[in-house]
Protein backbone atom coordinates (compact mmCIF):
# COMPACT_ATOMS: atom_id res chain seq x y z
CA UNK A 1 22.09 -2.44 26.00
CA UNK A 2 23.07 0.15 28.61
CA UNK A 3 20.85 0.26 31.71
CA UNK A 4 20.16 3.96 31.16
CA UNK A 5 18.80 4.74 27.66
CA UNK A 6 20.26 8.26 27.90
CA UNK A 7 23.75 6.68 27.87
CA UNK A 8 22.91 4.68 24.73
CA UNK A 9 24.50 6.45 21.71
CA UNK A 10 22.36 4.61 19.15
CA UNK A 11 19.59 6.46 17.34
CA UNK A 12 16.21 5.64 18.87
CA UNK A 13 14.07 6.33 15.79
CA UNK A 14 14.36 5.08 12.24
CA UNK A 15 12.78 6.69 9.20
CA UNK A 16 12.53 4.40 6.19
CA UNK A 17 11.57 5.50 2.70
CA UNK A 18 10.26 2.47 0.85
CA UNK A 19 9.92 1.80 -2.85
CA UNK A 20 11.80 1.47 -6.08
CA UNK A 21 13.19 4.74 -7.47
CA UNK A 22 13.21 3.22 -10.98
CA UNK A 23 9.43 2.66 -11.02
CA UNK A 24 7.94 6.12 -11.25
CA UNK A 25 5.73 7.03 -8.31
CA UNK A 26 6.89 3.96 -6.39
CA UNK A 27 10.07 5.94 -5.67
CA UNK A 28 8.26 8.65 -3.68
CA UNK A 29 9.21 7.08 -0.33
CA UNK A 30 12.87 7.35 -1.30
CA UNK A 31 12.48 10.98 -2.35
CA UNK A 32 10.80 11.93 0.92
CA UNK A 33 13.42 10.07 3.00
CA UNK A 34 16.21 11.74 1.01
CA UNK A 35 14.80 15.20 1.77
CA UNK A 36 14.24 14.34 5.46
CA UNK A 37 17.88 13.22 5.71
CA UNK A 38 19.01 16.43 3.99
CA UNK A 39 17.05 18.56 6.45
CA UNK A 40 18.39 16.68 9.45
CA UNK A 41 21.97 16.98 8.19
CA UNK A 42 21.64 20.70 7.42
CA UNK A 43 21.23 21.72 11.02
CA UNK A 44 17.61 21.00 11.74
CA UNK A 45 16.68 20.19 15.31
CA UNK A 46 20.00 18.83 16.65
CA UNK A 47 18.26 16.72 19.29
CA UNK A 48 16.10 15.11 16.61
CA UNK A 49 18.94 14.71 14.10
CA UNK A 50 21.17 12.80 16.51
CA UNK A 51 18.38 10.43 17.47
CA UNK A 52 17.31 9.43 13.96
CA UNK A 53 18.57 7.04 11.30
CA UNK A 54 17.20 7.50 7.78
CA UNK A 55 17.23 4.67 5.22
CA UNK A 56 15.91 4.05 1.73
CA UNK A 57 14.87 0.47 1.09
CA UNK A 58 13.12 -1.59 -1.55
CA UNK A 59 12.09 -4.39 0.78
CA UNK A 60 9.02 -5.41 2.74
CA UNK A 61 7.87 -8.12 5.10
CA UNK A 62 10.54 -10.06 6.98
CA UNK A 63 13.50 -8.02 5.72
CA UNK A 64 11.81 -4.75 6.64
CA UNK A 65 11.02 -6.14 10.10
CA UNK A 66 14.71 -6.97 10.57
CA UNK A 67 15.63 -3.35 9.73
CA UNK A 68 13.34 -2.13 12.53
CA UNK A 69 15.08 -4.21 15.18
CA UNK A 70 16.64 -2.21 17.98
CA UNK A 71 14.66 1.01 17.51
CA UNK A 72 12.09 2.48 19.89
CA UNK A 73 10.02 4.04 17.11
CA UNK A 74 9.80 4.02 13.35
CA UNK A 75 8.32 6.11 10.57
CA UNK A 76 7.69 4.30 7.28
CA UNK A 77 7.10 6.27 4.06
CA UNK A 78 5.60 4.54 1.03
CA UNK A 79 3.52 5.05 -2.08
CA UNK A 80 -0.01 3.76 -1.58
CA UNK A 81 -2.70 2.71 -4.00
CA UNK A 82 -5.86 2.75 -1.92
CA UNK A 83 -7.78 3.78 -5.04
CA UNK A 84 -10.41 5.84 -3.27
CA UNK A 85 -8.15 8.82 -2.50
CA UNK A 86 -6.89 11.58 -4.77
CA UNK A 87 -3.46 11.08 -6.30
CA UNK A 88 -0.89 12.91 -4.21
CA UNK A 89 -2.87 12.76 -0.96
CA UNK A 90 -0.56 12.39 2.04
CA UNK A 91 -1.89 10.38 4.94
CA UNK A 92 -0.26 9.83 8.32
CA UNK A 93 -1.48 7.11 10.65
CA UNK A 94 -0.23 4.48 13.08
CA UNK A 95 0.80 1.31 11.25
CA UNK A 96 -1.87 -0.74 13.01
CA UNK A 97 -4.55 1.56 11.51
CA UNK A 98 -3.25 1.17 7.95
CA UNK A 99 -5.47 -0.83 5.65
CA UNK A 100 -4.02 -4.14 4.48
CA UNK A 101 -2.72 -4.22 0.91
CA UNK A 102 -2.70 -0.45 0.62
CA UNK A 103 1.04 0.20 0.50
CA UNK A 104 2.99 -2.35 -1.48
CA UNK A 105 6.23 -2.52 0.46
CA UNK A 106 4.47 -2.68 3.80
CA UNK A 107 2.48 -5.68 2.63
CA UNK A 108 4.23 -7.76 -0.03
CA UNK A 109 2.64 -10.57 -2.02
CA UNK A 110 6.05 -12.29 -2.28
CA UNK A 111 6.87 -12.29 1.42
CA UNK A 112 5.12 -12.22 4.77
CA UNK A 113 3.27 -8.97 5.29
CA UNK A 114 4.99 -6.55 7.64
CA UNK A 115 2.08 -7.07 10.04
CA UNK A 116 2.76 -10.83 10.15
CA UNK A 117 6.53 -10.33 10.25
CA UNK A 118 6.18 -8.06 13.30
CA UNK A 119 4.06 -10.66 15.10
CA UNK A 120 6.65 -13.33 14.31
CA UNK A 121 9.57 -11.11 15.31
CA UNK A 122 7.99 -10.25 18.65
CA UNK A 123 7.23 -13.92 19.34
CA UNK A 124 10.89 -14.68 18.69
CA UNK A 125 12.00 -11.95 21.09
CA UNK A 126 13.14 -9.30 18.60
CA UNK A 127 13.43 -5.79 20.06
CA UNK A 128 10.95 -4.02 17.77
CA UNK A 129 9.50 -0.51 17.95
CA UNK A 130 6.44 -0.04 20.12
CA UNK A 131 5.34 2.80 17.83
CA UNK A 132 5.37 2.59 14.04
CA UNK A 133 3.89 5.49 12.11
CA UNK A 134 3.24 5.50 8.39
CA UNK A 135 3.26 8.35 5.91
CA UNK A 136 1.65 7.25 2.65
CA UNK A 137 1.36 9.15 -0.59
CA UNK A 138 -1.48 8.12 -2.89
CA UNK A 139 -0.11 7.14 -6.31
CA UNK A 140 -1.13 5.28 -9.45
CA UNK A 141 1.99 5.04 -11.64
CA UNK A 142 4.02 2.63 -9.50
CA UNK A 143 4.84 0.15 -12.25
CA UNK A 144 6.10 2.45 -14.99
CA UNK A 145 9.84 2.38 -15.61
CA UNK A 146 11.40 5.76 -15.06
CA UNK A 147 12.88 7.92 -12.34
CA UNK A 148 10.35 10.76 -12.61
CA UNK A 149 7.40 11.12 -10.27
CA UNK A 150 4.03 12.06 -11.73
CA UNK A 151 3.22 15.77 -11.24
CA UNK A 152 0.67 15.29 -8.41
CA UNK A 153 2.97 12.93 -6.51
CA UNK A 154 5.92 15.33 -6.99
CA UNK A 155 3.86 18.14 -5.46
CA UNK A 156 3.10 15.88 -2.47
CA UNK A 157 6.79 15.35 -1.59
CA UNK A 158 7.20 18.52 0.53
CA UNK A 159 3.85 17.80 2.23
CA UNK A 160 5.06 14.31 3.15
CA UNK A 161 8.43 15.68 4.31
CA UNK A 162 6.60 18.13 6.59
CA UNK A 163 4.49 15.26 7.96
CA UNK A 164 7.61 13.21 8.76
CA UNK A 165 9.35 16.19 10.36
CA UNK A 166 6.26 16.89 12.51
CA UNK A 167 6.25 13.27 13.70
CA UNK A 168 9.96 13.49 14.53
CA UNK A 169 9.57 16.77 16.39
CA UNK A 170 6.64 15.39 18.39
CA UNK A 171 8.77 12.47 19.52
CA UNK A 172 7.67 8.88 20.08
CA UNK A 173 5.69 9.55 23.25
CA UNK A 174 3.38 12.07 21.59
CA UNK A 175 2.70 10.11 18.41
């Protein structure tokens, strides 16, 4: 890594939309990430656009932790099923404040949770983001085959996009 981060051409922030676009509302993270990427590519804030990678993934736990390696900050977008919030509610919070088992791809039953994977990665010396923010969209239909989002979750997409863009514009230090 270059001694001066300003000379480092790599993006410093990663935005990851999580989910499965073939499982109804579970694909909302992908939809939000797709729109964020479109906005960045269409001439949004040039300083922000050049410093951001945007991905769409269907992984959690250890594999997700590996994708975060090398970035200073991260924004993770995922459908959530907290159950006590209205469908379509968008919530932004630091990852460490997120309730366990709320967002499926951030905390997988078939893998280490992202929380545990981050602890392991840091113990092994992985260069992981100091700041990880989450944008969750409350959903219920995350196990129904189909590419369509439910109406309330569809309406939440631009709200979630605005939340991600606000986090990006604020920069890692202000989050």
